[in-house]
N, C-alpha and C. Protein backbone atom coordinates (compact mmCIF):
# COMPACT_ATOMS: atom_id res chain seq x y z
N GLN A 1 -5.52 -2.11 19.97
CA GLN A 1 -6.05 -1.97 18.62
C GLN A 1 -4.90 -1.66 17.66
N LEU A 2 -4.99 -2.28 16.49
CA LEU A 2 -3.94 -2.07 15.49
C LEU A 2 -3.93 -0.62 15.01
N GLN A 3 -2.74 -0.05 14.90
CA GLN A 3 -2.56 1.27 14.31
C GLN A 3 -1.59 1.15 13.15
N LEU A 4 -1.93 1.80 12.04
CA LEU A 4 -1.15 1.71 10.82
C LEU A 4 -0.75 3.10 10.36
N VAL A 5 0.52 3.29 10.05
CA VAL A 5 1.03 4.58 9.60
C VAL A 5 1.77 4.39 8.29
N GLU A 6 1.26 5.07 7.25
CA GLU A 6 1.86 4.97 5.93
C GLU A 6 2.88 6.08 5.71
N SER A 7 3.90 5.79 4.92
CA SER A 7 4.91 6.79 4.57
C SER A 7 5.55 6.42 3.25
N GLY A 8 6.32 7.36 2.70
CA GLY A 8 7.09 7.06 1.50
C GLY A 8 6.55 7.65 0.21
N GLY A 9 5.41 8.31 0.27
CA GLY A 9 4.86 8.91 -0.93
C GLY A 9 5.64 10.14 -1.36
N GLY A 10 5.25 10.69 -2.50
CA GLY A 10 5.91 11.89 -2.99
C GLY A 10 5.58 12.15 -4.44
N LEU A 11 6.32 13.08 -5.01
CA LEU A 11 6.17 13.45 -6.43
C LEU A 11 7.26 12.74 -7.22
N VAL A 12 6.87 12.05 -8.27
CA VAL A 12 7.83 11.32 -9.09
C VAL A 12 7.43 11.46 -10.56
N GLN A 13 8.42 11.43 -11.42
CA GLN A 13 8.15 11.53 -12.85
C GLN A 13 7.65 10.18 -13.39
N PRO A 14 6.91 10.20 -14.48
CA PRO A 14 6.50 8.93 -15.10
C PRO A 14 7.71 8.05 -15.38
N GLY A 15 7.54 6.77 -15.08
CA GLY A 15 8.65 5.82 -15.23
C GLY A 15 9.49 5.67 -13.98
N GLY A 16 9.27 6.53 -13.00
CA GLY A 16 10.05 6.47 -11.76
C GLY A 16 9.55 5.43 -10.79
N SER A 17 10.19 5.40 -9.62
CA SER A 17 9.89 4.40 -8.59
C SER A 17 9.73 5.06 -7.23
N LEU A 18 8.93 4.41 -6.39
CA LEU A 18 8.78 4.79 -4.99
C LEU A 18 8.59 3.51 -4.18
N ARG A 19 8.98 3.56 -2.92
CA ARG A 19 8.68 2.46 -2.01
C ARG A 19 7.89 3.01 -0.83
N LEU A 20 6.69 2.50 -0.67
CA LEU A 20 5.83 2.88 0.44
C LEU A 20 6.03 1.92 1.61
N SER A 21 5.90 2.46 2.81
CA SER A 21 6.00 1.65 4.02
C SER A 21 4.74 1.83 4.85
N CYS A 22 4.35 0.77 5.54
CA CYS A 22 3.21 0.80 6.45
C CYS A 22 3.68 0.18 7.76
N ALA A 23 3.87 1.03 8.77
CA ALA A 23 4.33 0.57 10.07
C ALA A 23 3.14 0.28 10.97
N ALA A 24 3.12 -0.90 11.55
CA ALA A 24 2.01 -1.32 12.39
C ALA A 24 2.42 -1.38 13.85
N SER A 25 1.48 -1.07 14.72
CA SER A 25 1.69 -1.19 16.16
C SER A 25 0.37 -1.52 16.83
N GLY A 26 0.45 -2.03 18.05
CA GLY A 26 -0.76 -2.27 18.83
C GLY A 26 -1.47 -3.56 18.56
N GLY A 27 -0.90 -4.42 17.74
CA GLY A 27 -1.55 -5.69 17.45
C GLY A 27 -0.52 -6.76 17.14
N THR A 28 -0.99 -7.98 16.89
CA THR A 28 -0.10 -9.08 16.55
C THR A 28 0.05 -9.11 15.04
N PHE A 29 1.06 -8.41 14.57
CA PHE A 29 1.26 -8.15 13.15
C PHE A 29 1.20 -9.43 12.32
N GLU A 30 1.88 -10.46 12.78
CA GLU A 30 2.05 -11.65 11.95
C GLU A 30 0.76 -12.45 11.79
N HIS A 31 -0.28 -12.07 12.50
CA HIS A 31 -1.56 -12.77 12.42
C HIS A 31 -2.49 -12.20 11.34
N TYR A 32 -2.08 -11.07 10.73
CA TYR A 32 -2.97 -10.38 9.80
C TYR A 32 -2.53 -10.52 8.35
N ASP A 33 -3.53 -10.68 7.46
CA ASP A 33 -3.31 -10.41 6.05
C ASP A 33 -3.41 -8.90 5.88
N PHE A 34 -2.64 -8.35 4.94
CA PHE A 34 -2.63 -6.91 4.70
C PHE A 34 -2.85 -6.59 3.23
N GLY A 35 -3.28 -5.35 3.01
CA GLY A 35 -3.44 -4.88 1.65
C GLY A 35 -3.03 -3.43 1.53
N TRP A 36 -2.60 -3.04 0.35
CA TRP A 36 -2.41 -1.64 -0.01
C TRP A 36 -3.60 -1.25 -0.89
N PHE A 37 -4.18 -0.11 -0.57
CA PHE A 37 -5.34 0.41 -1.28
C PHE A 37 -4.99 1.82 -1.76
N ARG A 38 -5.73 2.30 -2.75
CA ARG A 38 -5.52 3.67 -3.20
C ARG A 38 -6.84 4.31 -3.58
N GLN A 39 -6.86 5.62 -3.47
CA GLN A 39 -8.04 6.39 -3.84
C GLN A 39 -7.63 7.66 -4.56
N ALA A 40 -8.05 7.75 -5.81
CA ALA A 40 -7.80 8.95 -6.60
C ALA A 40 -9.03 9.86 -6.49
N PRO A 41 -8.85 11.16 -6.70
CA PRO A 41 -9.99 12.09 -6.62
C PRO A 41 -11.13 11.65 -7.51
N GLY A 42 -12.34 11.60 -6.93
CA GLY A 42 -13.52 11.22 -7.70
C GLY A 42 -13.71 9.73 -7.88
N ASN A 43 -12.77 8.93 -7.37
CA ASN A 43 -12.85 7.47 -7.53
C ASN A 43 -13.07 6.80 -6.18
N GLN A 44 -13.56 5.58 -6.23
CA GLN A 44 -13.68 4.78 -5.02
C GLN A 44 -12.32 4.23 -4.63
N ARG A 45 -12.16 3.91 -3.36
CA ARG A 45 -10.94 3.28 -2.90
C ARG A 45 -10.86 1.88 -3.48
N GLU A 46 -9.69 1.50 -3.97
CA GLU A 46 -9.53 0.21 -4.59
C GLU A 46 -8.33 -0.54 -4.02
N LEU A 47 -8.42 -1.86 -4.06
CA LEU A 47 -7.31 -2.69 -3.62
C LEU A 47 -6.25 -2.73 -4.71
N VAL A 48 -5.02 -2.45 -4.33
CA VAL A 48 -3.90 -2.47 -5.27
C VAL A 48 -3.13 -3.78 -5.17
N ALA A 49 -2.85 -4.20 -3.94
CA ALA A 49 -2.07 -5.42 -3.71
C ALA A 49 -2.39 -5.97 -2.33
N GLY A 50 -2.28 -7.28 -2.20
CA GLY A 50 -2.52 -7.91 -0.91
C GLY A 50 -1.47 -8.95 -0.61
N ILE A 51 -1.25 -9.20 0.67
CA ILE A 51 -0.30 -10.22 1.09
C ILE A 51 -0.87 -10.95 2.29
N THR A 52 -0.77 -12.27 2.25
CA THR A 52 -1.34 -13.07 3.33
C THR A 52 -0.32 -13.29 4.44
N VAL A 53 -0.79 -13.91 5.51
CA VAL A 53 0.09 -14.28 6.61
C VAL A 53 1.23 -15.16 6.10
N GLY A 54 0.93 -16.03 5.16
CA GLY A 54 1.93 -16.95 4.63
C GLY A 54 2.79 -16.36 3.53
N GLY A 55 2.52 -15.12 3.13
CA GLY A 55 3.34 -14.46 2.12
C GLY A 55 2.81 -14.55 0.70
N SER A 56 1.65 -15.14 0.50
CA SER A 56 1.06 -15.16 -0.83
C SER A 56 0.58 -13.77 -1.21
N THR A 57 0.77 -13.41 -2.48
CA THR A 57 0.45 -12.06 -2.91
C THR A 57 -0.59 -12.05 -4.02
N THR A 58 -1.29 -10.93 -4.12
CA THR A 58 -2.26 -10.72 -5.19
C THR A 58 -2.18 -9.26 -5.61
N TYR A 59 -2.47 -9.01 -6.89
CA TYR A 59 -2.34 -7.66 -7.43
C TYR A 59 -3.52 -7.32 -8.33
N ALA A 60 -3.87 -6.03 -8.34
CA ALA A 60 -4.81 -5.55 -9.32
C ALA A 60 -4.18 -5.65 -10.70
N ASP A 61 -5.00 -5.89 -11.71
CA ASP A 61 -4.46 -6.03 -13.07
C ASP A 61 -3.67 -4.80 -13.51
N SER A 62 -4.10 -3.65 -13.05
CA SER A 62 -3.48 -2.39 -13.48
C SER A 62 -2.05 -2.22 -12.97
N VAL A 63 -1.65 -3.00 -11.97
CA VAL A 63 -0.30 -2.82 -11.40
C VAL A 63 0.55 -4.07 -11.51
N LYS A 64 0.00 -5.16 -12.03
CA LYS A 64 0.76 -6.41 -12.14
C LYS A 64 2.02 -6.19 -12.95
N GLY A 65 3.12 -6.71 -12.44
CA GLY A 65 4.40 -6.58 -13.12
C GLY A 65 5.13 -5.29 -12.82
N ARG A 66 4.46 -4.35 -12.14
CA ARG A 66 5.09 -3.07 -11.80
C ARG A 66 5.22 -2.87 -10.29
N PHE A 67 4.27 -3.37 -9.53
CA PHE A 67 4.26 -3.19 -8.08
C PHE A 67 4.57 -4.52 -7.39
N THR A 68 5.23 -4.44 -6.24
CA THR A 68 5.52 -5.62 -5.44
C THR A 68 5.21 -5.33 -3.98
N ILE A 69 4.36 -6.16 -3.39
CA ILE A 69 4.05 -6.02 -1.96
C ILE A 69 4.90 -7.03 -1.19
N SER A 70 5.36 -6.63 -0.02
CA SER A 70 6.14 -7.52 0.83
C SER A 70 5.88 -7.16 2.28
N ARG A 71 6.32 -8.03 3.19
CA ARG A 71 6.15 -7.76 4.61
C ARG A 71 7.39 -8.21 5.36
N ASP A 72 7.67 -7.52 6.45
CA ASP A 72 8.77 -7.87 7.34
C ASP A 72 8.18 -8.01 8.73
N ASN A 73 7.93 -9.25 9.14
CA ASN A 73 7.28 -9.48 10.44
C ASN A 73 8.16 -9.02 11.61
N ALA A 74 9.46 -9.04 11.42
CA ALA A 74 10.37 -8.60 12.49
C ALA A 74 10.27 -7.09 12.72
N LYS A 75 9.90 -6.37 11.66
CA LYS A 75 9.80 -4.90 11.76
C LYS A 75 8.35 -4.42 11.80
N ASN A 76 7.39 -5.37 11.79
CA ASN A 76 5.97 -5.00 11.79
C ASN A 76 5.65 -4.01 10.68
N THR A 77 6.17 -4.28 9.50
CA THR A 77 6.03 -3.33 8.39
C THR A 77 5.64 -4.05 7.10
N VAL A 78 4.75 -3.41 6.35
CA VAL A 78 4.38 -3.87 5.01
C VAL A 78 4.89 -2.84 4.02
N TYR A 79 5.42 -3.32 2.91
CA TYR A 79 6.00 -2.43 1.90
C TYR A 79 5.24 -2.56 0.57
N LEU A 80 5.32 -1.50 -0.23
CA LEU A 80 4.84 -1.55 -1.60
C LEU A 80 5.90 -0.89 -2.48
N GLN A 81 6.61 -1.71 -3.22
CA GLN A 81 7.59 -1.20 -4.18
C GLN A 81 6.86 -0.93 -5.48
N MET A 82 6.94 0.30 -5.94
CA MET A 82 6.22 0.73 -7.15
C MET A 82 7.23 1.17 -8.20
N ASN A 83 7.27 0.47 -9.30
CA ASN A 83 8.17 0.79 -10.41
C ASN A 83 7.37 1.17 -11.64
N SER A 84 8.04 1.78 -12.59
CA SER A 84 7.40 2.16 -13.86
C SER A 84 6.09 2.91 -13.61
N LEU A 85 6.16 3.88 -12.74
CA LEU A 85 4.94 4.59 -12.35
C LEU A 85 4.36 5.38 -13.51
N LYS A 86 3.03 5.45 -13.51
CA LYS A 86 2.28 6.13 -14.56
C LYS A 86 1.44 7.25 -13.92
N PRO A 87 1.06 8.26 -14.69
CA PRO A 87 0.21 9.32 -14.13
C PRO A 87 -1.07 8.77 -13.51
N GLU A 88 -1.61 7.69 -14.05
CA GLU A 88 -2.84 7.12 -13.51
C GLU A 88 -2.65 6.41 -12.16
N ASP A 89 -1.40 6.29 -11.72
CA ASP A 89 -1.13 5.77 -10.38
C ASP A 89 -1.27 6.85 -9.31
N THR A 90 -1.46 8.08 -9.72
CA THR A 90 -1.60 9.18 -8.77
C THR A 90 -2.82 8.96 -7.89
N ALA A 91 -2.60 8.98 -6.57
CA ALA A 91 -3.67 8.70 -5.61
C ALA A 91 -3.10 8.82 -4.20
N VAL A 92 -3.99 8.78 -3.23
CA VAL A 92 -3.57 8.58 -1.85
C VAL A 92 -3.55 7.08 -1.59
N TYR A 93 -2.45 6.59 -1.07
CA TYR A 93 -2.27 5.16 -0.83
C TYR A 93 -2.41 4.87 0.67
N TYR A 94 -3.17 3.83 0.96
CA TYR A 94 -3.43 3.43 2.33
C TYR A 94 -3.10 1.95 2.50
N CYS A 95 -2.73 1.58 3.72
CA CYS A 95 -2.66 0.16 4.02
C CYS A 95 -3.76 -0.16 5.04
N ASN A 96 -4.15 -1.41 5.05
CA ASN A 96 -5.15 -1.89 6.00
C ASN A 96 -5.05 -3.39 6.01
N THR A 97 -5.76 -4.00 6.93
CA THR A 97 -5.84 -5.44 6.95
C THR A 97 -6.75 -5.90 5.81
N ARG A 98 -6.79 -7.17 5.57
CA ARG A 98 -7.73 -7.76 4.63
C ARG A 98 -8.52 -8.83 5.38
N PRO A 99 -9.84 -8.69 5.46
CA PRO A 99 -10.58 -7.55 4.95
C PRO A 99 -10.26 -6.28 5.74
N PRO A 100 -10.49 -5.12 5.13
CA PRO A 100 -10.17 -3.88 5.83
C PRO A 100 -11.17 -3.57 6.93
N PHE A 101 -10.67 -3.00 8.01
CA PHE A 101 -11.51 -2.54 9.10
C PHE A 101 -11.52 -1.03 9.13
N THR A 102 -12.69 -0.45 9.30
CA THR A 102 -12.83 1.00 9.28
C THR A 102 -11.91 1.67 10.26
N ALA A 103 -11.77 1.07 11.45
CA ALA A 103 -10.98 1.68 12.52
C ALA A 103 -9.49 1.73 12.20
N TYR A 104 -9.04 0.97 11.23
CA TYR A 104 -7.61 0.87 10.94
C TYR A 104 -7.16 1.83 9.83
N TRP A 105 -8.10 2.52 9.17
CA TRP A 105 -7.68 3.42 8.11
C TRP A 105 -6.84 4.55 8.71
N GLY A 106 -5.69 4.83 8.10
CA GLY A 106 -4.83 5.92 8.55
C GLY A 106 -4.97 7.11 7.63
N GLN A 107 -3.98 7.99 7.68
CA GLN A 107 -4.00 9.21 6.87
C GLN A 107 -3.62 8.95 5.42
N GLY A 108 -2.94 7.85 5.19
CA GLY A 108 -2.49 7.56 3.84
C GLY A 108 -1.26 8.38 3.49
N THR A 109 -0.72 8.09 2.32
CA THR A 109 0.43 8.83 1.80
C THR A 109 0.17 9.15 0.33
N GLN A 110 0.40 10.42 -0.03
CA GLN A 110 0.08 10.89 -1.38
C GLN A 110 1.18 10.50 -2.35
N VAL A 111 0.78 9.91 -3.46
CA VAL A 111 1.69 9.61 -4.56
C VAL A 111 1.21 10.40 -5.78
N THR A 112 2.09 11.21 -6.31
CA THR A 112 1.77 12.01 -7.49
C THR A 112 2.79 11.70 -8.59
N VAL A 113 2.29 11.25 -9.72
CA VAL A 113 3.15 10.92 -10.86
C VAL A 113 2.90 11.95 -11.95
N SER A 114 3.88 12.79 -12.16
CA SER A 114 3.70 13.89 -13.10
C SER A 114 5.05 14.35 -13.62
N ALA A 115 5.04 14.79 -14.88
CA ALA A 115 6.26 15.35 -15.45
C ALA A 115 6.41 16.81 -15.04
């Protein structure tokens, strides 16, 4: 069964950058489409960015032009480069397959954007 572990979150000032990583194990990484999701307190979990097996990407309107999703099949890792961060980006960020499977949700990584 696929296992996903997120890392790279932290506290950053508005306008700053972070790169999140999602390390996968236990499955055939290159066969899956992946997505980065986030959940802020009181909000539903939402899709932030997605990447297909072939490398095609999609983004939520709120992050277009600021976030970049990528994958490294040799390292079984999905990345989310986040630039020009805003306070409203504050959330716990998760990776999962697309569509997401309940069993694959990990602990997530907290991103806090604050002065």
